[in-house]
PDB file of N, CA and C in Angstrom:
ATOM      1  N   MET A   1       0.812  -1.183   0.000  1.00  0.00           N
ATOM      2  CA  MET A   1       0.000   0.000   0.000  1.00  0.00           C
ATOM      3  C   MET A   1       0.866   1.262   0.000  1.00  0.00           C
ATOM      4  N   THR A   2       1.993   1.207   0.659  1.00  0.00           N
ATOM      5  CA  THR A   2       2.873   2.365   0.723  1.00  0.00           C
ATOM      6  C   THR A   2       3.447   2.663  -0.659  1.00  0.00           C
ATOM      7  N   ARG A   3       3.759   1.599  -1.398  1.00  0.00           N
ATOM      8  CA  ARG A   3       4.302   1.789  -2.732  1.00  0.00           C
ATOM      9  C   ARG A   3       3.273   2.476  -3.630  1.00  0.00           C
ATOM     10  N   LEU A   4       2.023   2.101  -3.546  1.00  0.00           N
ATOM     11  CA  LEU A   4       0.952   2.706  -4.324  1.00  0.00           C
ATOM     12  C   LEU A   4       0.783   4.180  -3.932  1.00  0.00           C
ATOM     13  N   ASN A   5       0.884   4.453  -2.628  1.00  0.00           N
ATOM     14  CA  ASN A   5       0.777   5.839  -2.174  1.00  0.00           C
ATOM     15  C   ASN A   5       1.922   6.689  -2.721  1.00  0.00           C
ATOM     16  N   LEU A   6       3.146   6.144  -2.735  1.00  0.00           N
ATOM     17  CA  LEU A   6       4.289   6.875  -3.275  1.00  0.00           C
ATOM     18  C   LEU A   6       4.116   7.143  -4.770  1.00  0.00           C
ATOM     19  N   ILE A   7       3.653   6.167  -5.499  1.00  0.00           N
ATOM     20  CA  ILE A   7       3.437   6.336  -6.950  1.00  0.00           C
ATOM     21  C   ILE A   7       2.371   7.401  -7.194  1.00  0.00           C
ATOM     22  N   LEU A   8       1.293   7.339  -6.432  1.00  0.00           N
ATOM     23  CA  LEU A   8       0.239   8.344  -6.592  1.00  0.00           C
ATOM     24  C   LEU A   8       0.719   9.734  -6.174  1.00  0.00           C
ATOM     25  N   PHE A   9       1.548   9.809  -5.115  1.00  0.00           N
ATOM     26  CA  PHE A   9       2.085  11.074  -4.654  1.00  0.00           C
ATOM     27  C   PHE A   9       2.964  11.708  -5.741  1.00  0.00           C
ATOM     28  N   PHE A  10       3.869  10.899  -6.325  1.00  0.00           N
ATOM     29  CA  PHE A  10       4.736  11.434  -7.382  1.00  0.00           C
ATOM     30  C   PHE A  10       3.928  11.803  -8.636  1.00  0.00           C
ATOM     31  N   ALA A  11       2.923  11.032  -8.939  1.00  0.00           N
ATOM     32  CA  ALA A  11       2.061  11.365 -10.072  1.00  0.00           C
ATOM     33  C   ALA A  11       1.349  12.693  -9.822  1.00  0.00           C
ATOM     34  N   LEU A  12       0.898  12.885  -8.564  1.00  0.00           N
ATOM     35  CA  LEU A  12       0.242  14.126  -8.206  1.00  0.00           C
ATOM     36  C   LEU A  12       1.214  15.300  -8.298  1.00  0.00           C
ATOM     37  N   MET A  13       2.451  15.121  -7.829  1.00  0.00           N
ATOM     38  CA  MET A  13       3.454  16.182  -7.885  1.00  0.00           C
ATOM     39  C   MET A  13       3.801  16.541  -9.336  1.00  0.00           C
ATOM     40  N   PHE A  14       4.022  15.544 -10.162  1.00  0.00           N
ATOM     41  CA  PHE A  14       4.339  15.816 -11.573  1.00  0.00           C
ATOM     42  C   PHE A  14       3.169  16.491 -12.283  1.00  0.00           C
ATOM     43  N   SER A  15       1.979  16.058 -11.922  1.00  0.00           N
ATOM     44  CA  SER A  15       0.795  16.672 -12.513  1.00  0.00           C
ATOM     45  C   SER A  15       0.682  18.140 -12.074  1.00  0.00           C
ATOM     46  N   ALA A  16       0.921  18.415 -10.796  1.00  0.00           N
ATOM     47  CA  ALA A  16       0.852  19.791 -10.283  1.00  0.00           C
ATOM     48  C   ALA A  16       1.932  20.652 -10.925  1.00  0.00           C
ATOM     49  N   LEU A  17       3.157  20.120 -11.048  1.00  0.00           N
ATOM     50  CA  LEU A  17       4.233  20.871 -11.698  1.00  0.00           C
ATOM     51  C   LEU A  17       3.911  21.140 -13.164  1.00  0.00           C
ATOM     52  N   GLY A  18       3.324  20.168 -13.834  1.00  0.00           N
ATOM     53  CA  GLY A  18       2.916  20.352 -15.229  1.00  0.00           C
ATOM     54  C   GLY A  18       1.851  21.431 -15.355  1.00  0.00           C
ATOM     55  N   LEU A  19       0.912  21.443 -14.398  1.00  0.00           N
ATOM     56  CA  LEU A  19      -0.134  22.454 -14.408  1.00  0.00           C
ATOM     57  C   LEU A  19       0.452  23.847 -14.191  1.00  0.00           C
ATOM     58  N   VAL A  20       1.364  23.982 -13.235  1.00  0.00           N
ATOM     59  CA  VAL A  20       1.998  25.277 -12.970  1.00  0.00           C
ATOM     60  C   VAL A  20       2.777  25.739 -14.198  1.00  0.00           C
ATOM     61  N   ASN A  21       3.519  24.815 -14.814  1.00  0.00           N
ATOM     62  CA  ASN A  21       4.286  25.151 -16.013  1.00  0.00           C
ATOM     63  C   ASN A  21       3.361  25.591 -17.151  1.00  0.00           C
ATOM     64  N   ALA A  22       2.259  24.895 -17.348  1.00  0.00           N
ATOM     65  CA  ALA A  22       1.308  25.233 -18.411  1.00  0.00           C
ATOM     66  C   ALA A  22       0.679  26.602 -18.162  1.00  0.00           C
ATOM     67  N   GLN A  23       0.329  26.896 -16.917  1.00  0.00           N
ATOM     68  CA  GLN A  23      -0.249  28.200 -16.605  1.00  0.00           C
ATOM     69  C   GLN A  23       0.768  29.316 -16.836  1.00  0.00           C
ATOM     70  N   HIS A  24       2.019  29.065 -16.456  1.00  0.00           N
ATOM     71  CA  HIS A  24       3.067  30.063 -16.664  1.00  0.00           C
ATOM     72  C   HIS A  24       3.253  30.355 -18.157  1.00  0.00           C
ATOM     73  N   LYS A  25       3.292  29.303 -18.971  1.00  0.00           N
ATOM     74  CA  LYS A  25       3.430  29.498 -20.423  1.00  0.00           C
ATOM     75  C   LYS A  25       2.214  30.234 -20.992  1.00  0.00           C
ATOM     76  N   ALA A  26       1.025  29.885 -20.509  1.00  0.00           N
ATOM     77  CA  ALA A  26      -0.192  30.536 -20.995  1.00  0.00           C
ATOM     78  C   ALA A  26      -0.170  32.020 -20.659  1.00  0.00           C
ATOM     79  N   ARG A  27       0.281  32.376 -19.451  1.00  0.00           N
ATOM     80  CA  ARG A  27       0.358  33.788 -19.066  1.00  0.00           C
ATOM     81  C   ARG A  27       1.380  34.532 -19.910  1.00  0.00           C
ATOM     82  N   LYS A  28       2.527  33.910 -20.161  1.00  0.00           N
ATOM     83  CA  LYS A  28       3.546  34.549 -20.998  1.00  0.00           C
ATOM     84  C   LYS A  28       3.016  34.776 -22.407  1.00  0.00           C
ATOM     85  N   LEU A  29       2.326  33.775 -22.955  1.00  0.00           N
ATOM     86  CA  LEU A  29       1.772  33.917 -24.302  1.00  0.00           C
ATOM     87  C   LEU A  29       0.678  34.974 -24.352  1.00  0.00           C
ATOM     88  N   TYR A  30      -0.121  35.067 -23.276  1.00  0.00           N
ATOM     89  CA  TYR A  30      -1.173  36.080 -23.235  1.00  0.00           C
ATOM     90  C   TYR A  30      -0.564  37.475 -23.189  1.00  0.00           C
ATOM     91  N   ILE A  31       0.491  37.646 -22.404  1.00  0.00           N
ATOM     92  CA  ILE A  31       1.170  38.946 -22.335  1.00  0.00           C
ATOM     93  C   ILE A  31       1.750  39.306 -23.704  1.00  0.00           C
ATOM     94  N   GLU A  32       2.351  38.330 -24.370  1.00  0.00           N
ATOM     95  CA  GLU A  32       2.893  38.580 -25.709  1.00  0.00           C
ATOM     96  C   GLU A  32       1.778  38.940 -26.693  1.00  0.00           C
ATOM     97  N   LEU A  33       0.650  38.256 -26.574  1.00  0.00           N
ATOM     98  CA  LEU A  33      -0.503  38.556 -27.427  1.00  0.00           C
ATOM     99  C   LEU A  33      -0.988  39.986 -27.210  1.00  0.00           C
ATOM    100  N   GLU A  34      -1.067  40.422 -25.979  1.00  0.00           N
ATOM    101  CA  GLU A  34      -1.496  41.787 -25.681  1.00  0.00           C
ATOM    102  C   GLU A  34      -0.504  42.810 -26.231  1.00  0.00           C
ATOM    103  N   GLN A  35       0.789  42.534 -26.108  1.00  0.00           N
ATOM    104  CA  GLN A  35       1.798  43.450 -26.642  1.00  0.00           C
ATOM    105  C   GLN A  35       1.689  43.548 -28.168  1.00  0.00           C
ATOM    106  N   LEU A  36       1.496  42.397 -28.807  1.00  0.00           N
ATOM    107  CA  LEU A  36       1.357  42.405 -30.263  1.00  0.00           C
ATOM    108  C   LEU A  36       0.065  43.097 -30.696  1.00  0.00           C
ATOM    109  N   SER A  37      -0.971  42.952 -29.893  1.00  0.00           N
ATOM    110  CA  SER A  37      -2.233  43.625 -30.196  1.00  0.00           C
ATOM    111  C   SER A  37      -2.064  45.135 -30.099  1.00  0.00           C
ATOM    112  N   GLN A  38      -1.343  45.604 -29.090  1.00  0.00           N
ATOM    113  CA  GLN A  38      -1.070  47.038 -28.965  1.00  0.00           C
ATOM    114  C   GLN A  38      -0.234  47.534 -30.145  1.00  0.00           C
ATOM    115  N   ALA A  39       0.758  46.743 -30.550  1.00  0.00           N
ATOM    116  CA  ALA A  39       1.595  47.120 -31.691  1.00  0.00           C
ATOM    117  C   ALA A  39       0.745  47.186 -32.964  1.00  0.00           C
ATOM    118  N   GLU A  40      -0.185  46.229 -33.112  1.00  0.00           N
ATOM    119  CA  GLU A  40      -1.060  46.242 -34.286  1.00  0.00           C
ATOM    120  C   GLU A  40      -1.908  47.504 -34.325  1.00  0.00           C
ATOM    121  N   LYS A  41      -2.455  47.898 -33.179  1.00  0.00           N
ATOM    122  CA  LYS A  41      -3.258  49.130 -33.131  1.00  0.00           C
ATOM    123  C   LYS A  41      -2.414  50.339 -33.518  1.00  0.00           C
ATOM    124  N   GLN A  42      -1.195  50.380 -33.013  1.00  0.00           N
ATOM    125  CA  GLN A  42      -0.304  51.494 -33.322  1.00  0.00           C
ATOM    126  C   GLN A  42       0.031  51.516 -34.815  1.00  0.00           C
ATOM    127  N   TYR A  43       0.320  50.339 -35.389  1.00  0.00           N
ATOM    128  CA  TYR A  43       0.639  50.264 -36.819  1.00  0.00           C
ATOM    129  C   TYR A  43      -0.557  50.647 -37.678  1.00  0.00           C
ATOM    130  N   ASN A  44      -1.752  50.229 -37.277  1.00  0.00           N
ATOM    131  CA  ASN A  44      -2.951  50.602 -38.034  1.00  0.00           C
ATOM    132  C   ASN A  44      -3.182  52.111 -37.986  1.00  0.00           C
ATOM    133  N   GLN A  45      -2.938  52.714 -36.829  1.00  0.00           N
ATOM    134  CA  GLN A  45      -3.086  54.159 -36.712  1.00  0.00           C
ATOM    135  C   GLN A  45      -2.052  54.874 -37.583  1.00  0.00           C
ATOM    136  N   GLU A  46      -0.827  54.399 -37.552  1.00  0.00           N
ATOM    137  CA  GLU A  46       0.233  54.998 -38.367  1.00  0.00           C
ATOM    138  C   GLU A  46      -0.065  54.830 -39.858  1.00  0.00           C
ATOM    139  N   TYR A  47      -0.586  53.653 -40.232  1.00  0.00           N
ATOM    140  CA  TYR A  47      -0.938  53.404 -41.629  1.00  0.00           C
ATOM    141  C   TYR A  47      -2.031  54.364 -42.085  1.00  0.00           C
ATOM    142  N   GLY A  48      -3.021  54.601 -41.228  1.00  0.00           N
ATOM    143  CA  GLY A  48      -4.082  55.547 -41.561  1.00  0.00           C
ATOM    144  C   GLY A  48      -3.540  56.953 -41.753  1.00  0.00           C
ATOM    145  N   GLN A  49      -2.581  57.333 -40.905  1.00  0.00           N
ATOM    146  CA  GLN A  49      -1.972  58.647 -41.056  1.00  0.00           C
ATOM    147  C   GLN A  49      -1.184  58.741 -42.355  1.00  0.00           C
ATOM    148  N   TRP A  50      -0.483  57.659 -42.722  1.00  0.00           N
ATOM    149  CA  TRP A  50       0.268  57.649 -43.987  1.00  0.00           C
ATOM    150  C   TRP A  50      -0.680  57.760 -45.170  1.00  0.00           C
ATOM    151  N   GLN A  51      -1.808  57.070 -45.103  1.00  0.00           N
ATOM    152  CA  GLN A  51      -2.776  57.153 -46.193  1.00  0.00           C
ATOM    153  C   GLN A  51      -3.333  58.568 -46.327  1.00  0.00           C
ATOM    154  N   LEU A  52      -3.614  59.192 -45.197  1.00  0.00           N
ATOM    155  CA  LEU A  52      -4.117  60.563 -45.222  1.00  0.00           C
ATOM    156  C   LEU A  52      -3.072  61.502 -45.808  1.00  0.00           C
ATOM    157  N   GLU A  53      -1.834  61.328 -45.400  1.00  0.00           N
ATOM    158  CA  GLU A  53      -0.761  62.171 -45.929  1.00  0.00           C
ATOM    159  C   GLU A  53      -0.580  61.954 -47.430  1.00  0.00           C
ATOM    160  N   GLN A  54      -0.650  60.695 -47.857  1.00  0.00           N
ATOM    161  CA  GLN A  54      -0.498  60.409 -49.282  1.00  0.00           C
ATOM    162  C   GLN A  54      -1.638  61.039 -50.085  1.00  0.00           C
ATOM    163  N   SER A  55      -2.852  60.933 -49.581  1.00  0.00           N
ATOM    164  CA  SER A  55      -3.972  61.513 -50.316  1.00  0.00           C
ATOM    165  C   SER A  55      -3.854  63.036 -50.361  1.00  0.00           C
ATOM    166  N   THR A  56      -3.294  63.627 -49.318  1.00  0.00           N
ATOM    167  CA  THR A  56      -3.091  65.079 -49.316  1.00  0.00           C
ATOM    168  C   THR A  56      -2.048  65.476 -50.349  1.00  0.00           C
ATOM    169  N   TRP A  57      -0.947  64.737 -50.394  1.00  0.00           N
ATOM    170  CA  TRP A  57       0.116  65.062 -51.343  1.00  0.00           C
ATOM    171  C   TRP A  57      -0.304  64.796 -52.785  1.00  0.00           C
ATOM    172  N   ALA A  58      -1.232  63.864 -52.994  1.00  0.00           N
ATOM    173  CA  ALA A  58      -1.618  63.483 -54.351  1.00  0.00           C
ATOM    174  C   ALA A  58      -2.906  64.166 -54.821  1.00  0.00           C
ATOM    175  N   MET A  59      -3.365  65.174 -54.107  1.00  0.00           N
ATOM    176  CA  MET A  59      -4.584  65.876 -54.526  1.00  0.00           C
ATOM    177  C   MET A  59      -4.366  66.503 -55.895  1.00  0.00           C
ATOM    178  N   HIS A  60      -5.374  66.386 -56.718  1.00  0.00           N
ATOM    179  CA  HIS A  60      -5.284  66.882 -58.094  1.00  0.00           C
ATOM    180  C   HIS A  60      -4.991  68.383 -58.122  1.00  0.00           C
ATOM    181  N   SER A  61      -5.650  69.122 -57.259  1.00  0.00           N
ATOM    182  CA  SER A  61      -5.452  70.579 -57.270  1.00  0.00           C
ATOM    183  C   SER A  61      -4.028  70.949 -56.862  1.00  0.00           C
ATOM    184  N   ARG A  62      -3.445  70.209 -55.922  1.00  0.00           N
ATOM    185  CA  ARG A  62      -2.071  70.490 -55.495  1.00  0.00           C
ATOM    186  C   ARG A  62      -1.088  70.190 -56.616  1.00  0.00           C
ATOM    187  N   ILE A  63      -1.276  69.064 -57.288  1.00  0.00           N
ATOM    188  CA  ILE A  63      -0.389  68.702 -58.395  1.00  0.00           C
ATOM    189  C   ILE A  63      -0.516  69.704 -59.531  1.00  0.00           C
ATOM    190  N   GLU A  64      -1.741  70.118 -59.815  1.00  0.00           N
ATOM    191  CA  GLU A  64      -1.954  71.103 -60.879  1.00  0.00           C
ATOM    192  C   GLU A  64      -1.307  72.438 -60.515  1.00  0.00           C
ATOM    193  N   GLN A  65      -1.395  72.835 -59.254  1.00  0.00           N
ATOM    194  CA  GLN A  65      -0.789  74.095 -58.816  1.00  0.00           C
ATOM    195  C   GLN A  65       0.733  74.031 -58.933  1.00  0.00           C
ATOM    196  N   ILE A  66       1.346  72.932 -58.522  1.00  0.00           N
ATOM    197  CA  ILE A  66       2.802  72.789 -58.633  1.00  0.00           C
ATOM    198  C   ILE A  66       3.221  72.773 -60.094  1.00  0.00           C
ATOM    199  N   ALA A  67       2.448  72.067 -60.930  1.00  0.00           N
ATOM    200  CA  ALA A  67       2.774  72.018 -62.356  1.00  0.00           C
ATOM    201  C   ALA A  67       2.715  73.410 -62.975  1.00  0.00           C
ATOM    202  N   ALA A  68       1.759  74.195 -62.569  1.00  0.00           N
ATOM    203  CA  ALA A  68       1.620  75.542 -63.142  1.00  0.00           C
ATOM    204  C   ALA A  68       2.683  76.495 -62.598  1.00  0.00           C
ATOM    205  N   GLN A  69       2.951  76.446 -61.297  1.00  0.00           N
ATOM    206  CA  GLN A  69       3.861  77.424 -60.693  1.00  0.00           C
ATOM    207  C   GLN A  69       5.327  77.063 -60.876  1.00  0.00           C
ATOM    208  N   GLN A  70       5.694  75.838 -60.543  1.00  0.00           N
ATOM    209  CA  GLN A  70       7.108  75.475 -60.553  1.00  0.00           C
ATOM    210  C   GLN A  70       7.593  75.015 -61.915  1.00  0.00           C
ATOM    211  N   LEU A  71       6.733  74.332 -62.654  1.00  0.00           N
ATOM    212  CA  LEU A  71       7.153  73.784 -63.949  1.00  0.00           C
ATOM    213  C   LEU A  71       6.638  74.594 -65.135  1.00  0.00           C
ATOM    214  N   GLN A  72       5.889  75.658 -64.861  1.00  0.00           N
ATOM    215  CA  GLN A  72       5.310  76.517 -65.891  1.00  0.00           C
ATOM    216  C   GLN A  72       4.532  75.704 -66.931  1.00  0.00           C
ATOM    217  N   MET A  73       3.792  74.712 -66.471  1.00  0.00           N
ATOM    218  CA  MET A  73       2.956  73.910 -67.372  1.00  0.00           C
ATOM    219  C   MET A  73       1.557  74.500 -67.395  1.00  0.00           C
ATOM    220  N   GLN A  74       0.848  74.234 -68.477  1.00  0.00           N
ATOM    221  CA  GLN A  74      -0.522  74.699 -68.588  1.00  0.00           C
ATOM    222  C   GLN A  74      -1.351  73.645 -69.316  1.00  0.00           C
ATOM    223  N   VAL A  75      -2.642  73.695 -69.094  1.00  0.00           N
ATOM    224  CA  VAL A  75      -3.553  72.759 -69.747  1.00  0.00           C
ATOM    225  C   VAL A  75      -3.675  73.170 -71.201  1.00  0.00           C
ATOM    226  N   PRO A  76      -3.484  72.256 -72.160  1.00  0.00           N
ATOM    227  CA  PRO A  76      -3.584  72.634 -73.573  1.00  0.00           C
ATOM    228  C   PRO A  76      -5.030  72.914 -73.971  1.00  0.00           C
ATOM    229  N   ASP A  77      -5.160  73.644 -75.060  1.00  0.00           N
ATOM    230  CA  ASP A  77      -6.488  73.923 -75.600  1.00  0.00           C
ATOM    231  C   ASP A  77      -7.120  72.622 -76.062  1.00  0.00           C
ATOM    232  N   ALA A  78      -8.436  72.636 -76.166  1.00  0.00           N
ATOM    233  CA  ALA A  78      -9.154  71.443 -76.600  1.00  0.00           C
ATOM    234  C   ALA A  78      -8.759  71.034 -78.017  1.00  0.00           C
ATOM    235  N   LYS A  79      -8.366  71.998 -78.854  1.00  0.00           N
ATOM    236  CA  LYS A  79      -7.963  71.693 -80.230  1.00  0.00           C
ATOM    237  C   LYS A  79      -6.635  70.940 -80.263  1.00  0.00           C
ATOM    238  N   ARG A  80      -5.823  71.096 -79.225  1.00  0.00           N
ATOM    239  CA  ARG A  80      -4.490  70.506 -79.219  1.00  0.00           C
ATOM    240  C   ARG A  80      -4.438  69.154 -78.495  1.00  0.00           C
ATOM    241  N   ILE A  81      -5.545  68.703 -77.972  1.00  0.00           N
ATOM    242  CA  ILE A  81      -5.582  67.428 -77.246  1.00  0.00           C
ATOM    243  C   ILE A  81      -5.753  66.292 -78.240  1.00  0.00           C
ATOM    244  N   GLN A  82      -4.944  65.252 -78.093  1.00  0.00           N
ATOM    245  CA  GLN A  82      -5.030  64.091 -78.971  1.00  0.00           C
ATOM    246  C   GLN A  82      -5.684  62.953 -78.204  1.00  0.00           C
ATOM    247  N   ILE A  83      -6.586  62.262 -78.858  1.00  0.00           N
ATOM    248  CA  ILE A  83      -7.273  61.132 -78.265  1.00  0.00           C
ATOM    249  C   ILE A  83      -6.579  59.865 -78.738  1.00  0.00           C
ATOM    250  N   VAL A  84      -6.182  59.007 -77.813  1.00  0.00           N
ATOM    251  CA  VAL A  84      -5.519  57.757 -78.149  1.00  0.00           C
ATOM    252  C   VAL A  84      -6.493  56.636 -77.821  1.00  0.00           C
ATOM    253  N   SER A  85      -6.769  55.794 -78.812  1.00  0.00           N
ATOM    254  CA  SER A  85      -7.688  54.680 -78.580  1.00  0.00           C
ATOM    255  C   SER A  85      -6.952  53.370 -78.806  1.00  0.00           C
ATOM    256  N   LEU A  86      -7.368  52.347 -78.103  1.00  0.00           N
ATOM    257  CA  LEU A  86      -6.766  51.031 -78.248  1.00  0.00           C
ATOM    258  C   LEU A  86      -7.478  50.256 -79.346  1.00  0.00           C
ATOM    259  N   VAL A  87      -6.708  49.517 -80.119  1.00  0.00           N
ATOM    260  CA  VAL A  87      -7.274  48.634 -81.132  1.00  0.00           C
ATOM    261  C   VAL A  87      -6.917  47.210 -80.751  1.00  0.00           C
ATOM    262  N   ALA A  88      -7.423  46.237 -81.499  1.00  0.00           N
ATOM    263  CA  ALA A  88      -7.167  44.830 -81.202  1.00  0.00           C
ATOM    264  C   ALA A  88      -5.671  44.544 -81.190  1.00  0.00           C
ATOM    265  N   GLY A  89      -5.239  43.702 -80.287  1.00  0.00           N
ATOM    266  CA  GLY A  89      -3.837  43.338 -80.195  1.00  0.00           C
ATOM    267  C   GLY A  89      -3.069  44.200 -79.213  1.00  0.00           C
ATOM    268  N   GLY A  90      -3.732  45.169 -78.590  1.00  0.00           N
ATOM    269  CA  GLY A  90      -3.081  45.996 -77.590  1.00  0.00           C
ATOM    270  C   GLY A  90      -2.201  47.093 -78.148  1.00  0.00           C
ATOM    271  N   VAL A  91      -2.241  47.343 -79.464  1.00  0.00           N
ATOM    272  CA  VAL A  91      -1.423  48.391 -80.071  1.00  0.00           C
ATOM    273  C   VAL A  91      -2.238  49.674 -80.061  1.00  0.00           C
ATOM    274  N   ALA A  92      -1.613  50.752 -79.631  1.00  0.00           N
ATOM    275  CA  ALA A  92      -2.318  52.027 -79.572  1.00  0.00           C
ATOM    276  C   ALA A  92      -2.304  52.694 -80.939  1.00  0.00           C
ATOM    277  N   LYS A  93      -3.415  53.276 -81.297  1.00  0.00           N
ATOM    278  CA  LYS A  93      -3.545  53.986 -82.558  1.00  0.00           C
ATOM    279  C   LYS A  93      -3.947  55.414 -82.209  1.00  0.00           C
ATOM    280  N   ALA A  94      -3.191  56.373 -82.670  1.00  0.00           N
ATOM    281  CA  ALA A  94      -3.451  57.767 -82.326  1.00  0.00           C
ATOM    282  C   ALA A  94      -3.843  58.545 -83.561  1.00  0.00           C
ATOM    283  N   VAL A  95      -4.763  59.444 -83.379  1.00  0.00           N
ATOM    284  CA  VAL A  95      -5.134  60.369 -84.431  1.00  0.00           C
ATOM    285  C   VAL A  95      -4.248  61.588 -84.221  1.00  0.00           C
ATOM    286  N   VAL A  96      -3.336  61.810 -85.161  1.00  0.00           N
ATOM    287  CA  VAL A  96      -2.349  62.881 -85.011  1.00  0.00           C
ATOM    288  C   VAL A  96      -2.725  64.037 -85.906  1.00  0.00           C
ATOM    289  N   LYS A  97      -2.752  65.224 -85.324  1.00  0.00           N
ATOM    290  CA  LYS A  97      -3.012  66.442 -86.077  1.00  0.00           C
ATOM    291  C   LYS A  97      -1.732  67.259 -86.064  1.00  0.00           C
ATOM    292  N   GLN A  98      -1.378  67.778 -87.194  1.00  0.00           N
ATOM    293  CA  GLN A  98      -0.194  68.640 -87.266  1.00  0.00           C
ATOM    294  C   GLN A  98      -0.603  70.025 -86.779  1.00  0.00           C
ATOM    295  N   GLN A  99       0.228  70.588 -85.920  1.00  0.00           N
ATOM    296  CA  GLN A  99      -0.044  71.908 -85.367  1.00  0.00           C
ATOM    297  C   GLN A  99       0.916  72.903 -86.007  1.00  0.00           C
ATOM    298  N   ALA A 100       0.380  73.937 -86.606  1.00  0.00           N
ATOM    299  CA  ALA A 100       1.224  74.946 -87.246  1.00  0.00           C
ATOM    300  C   ALA A 100       1.844  75.882 -86.225  1.00  0.00           C
ATOM    301  N   ASP A 101       1.201  75.981 -85.052  1.00  0.00           N
ATOM    302  CA  ASP A 101       1.683  76.941 -84.073  1.00  0.00           C
ATOM    303  C   ASP A 101       2.602  76.315 -83.019  1.00  0.00           C
ATOM    304  N   VAL A 102       3.054  75.058 -83.197  1.00  0.00           N
ATOM    305  CA  VAL A 102       3.971  74.443 -82.249  1.00  0.00           C
ATOM    306  C   VAL A 102       5.361  74.968 -82.521  1.00  0.00           C
ATOM    307  N   LYS A 103       6.005  75.509 -81.491  1.00  0.00           N
ATOM    308  CA  LYS A 103       7.333  76.098 -81.641  1.00  0.00           C
ATOM    309  C   LYS A 103       8.393  75.021 -81.549  1.00  0.00           C
ATOM    310  N   PRO A 104       9.499  75.164 -82.272  1.00  0.00           N
ATOM    311  CA  PRO A 104      10.560  74.169 -82.186  1.00  0.00           C
ATOM    312  C   PRO A 104      11.150  74.119 -80.776  1.00  0.00           C
ATOM    313  N   GLY A 105      11.489  72.900 -80.320  1.00  0.00           N
ATOM    314  CA  GLY A 105      12.079  72.715 -79.009  1.00  0.00           C
ATOM    315  C   GLY A 105      11.043  72.570 -77.906  1.00  0.00           C
ATOM    316  N   LYS A 106       9.782  72.665 -78.243  1.00  0.00           N
ATOM    317  CA  LYS A 106       8.725  72.514 -77.250  1.00  0.00           C
ATOM    318  C   LYS A 106       7.819  71.366 -77.669  1.00  0.00           C
ATOM    319  N   THR A 107       7.290  70.670 -76.677  1.00  0.00           N
ATOM    320  CA  THR A 107       6.319  69.612 -76.961  1.00  0.00           C
ATOM    321  C   THR A 107       4.945  70.245 -77.084  1.00  0.00           C
ATOM    322  N   GLN A 108       3.976  69.455 -77.418  1.00  0.00           N
ATOM    323  CA  GLN A 108       2.634  70.002 -77.572  1.00  0.00           C
ATOM    324  C   GLN A 108       2.024  70.415 -76.248  1.00  0.00           C
ATOM    325  N   SER A 109       2.591  69.954 -75.131  1.00  0.00           N
ATOM    326  CA  SER A 109       2.056  70.389 -73.846  1.00  0.00           C
ATOM    327  C   SER A 109       2.640  71.732 -73.436  1.00  0.00           C
ATOM    328  N   GLY A 110       3.637  72.240 -74.192  1.00  0.00           N
ATOM    329  CA  GLY A 110       4.194  73.548 -73.907  1.00  0.00           C
ATOM    330  C   GLY A 110       5.432  73.509 -73.041  1.00  0.00           C
ATOM    331  N   VAL A 111       5.954  72.322 -72.739  1.00  0.00           N
ATOM    332  CA  VAL A 111       7.131  72.197 -71.892  1.00  0.00           C
ATOM    333  C   VAL A 111       8.333  71.866 -72.757  1.00  0.00           C
ATOM    334  N   ALA A 112       9.445  72.550 -72.546  1.00  0.00           N
ATOM    335  CA  ALA A 112      10.665  72.322 -73.344  1.00  0.00           C
ATOM    336  C   ALA A 112      11.215  70.940 -73.061  1.00  0.00           C
ATOM    337  N   GLN A 113      11.792  70.338 -74.094  1.00  0.00           N
ATOM    338  CA  GLN A 113      12.370  69.003 -73.936  1.00  0.00           C
ATOM    339  C   GLN A 113      13.768  69.086 -73.407  1.00  0.00           C
TER     340      GLN A 113
END
């Protein structure tokens, strides 16, 4: 009977140690999960700020203003706009009009090459 009690006692001790070890690992993993969750929230907030900044920098009116002021570009007249349409096979076909008023050294958009 004493031998059975010793075997059960050691089984109980190993079981208790296993339980303590499992709880310790679970707590460590939970703490790591919470830290990663906080990092995810921070990254999502930062990503949202980056998207807002990108949309601000890429606003059409801002780009048009920079093109006009810094690069001296302007929107061409409707007569000078060329329409490019796609045909079968993926080759672009353009309707080209010769412009008599295009100055040498300038493209049709008015910017020097």
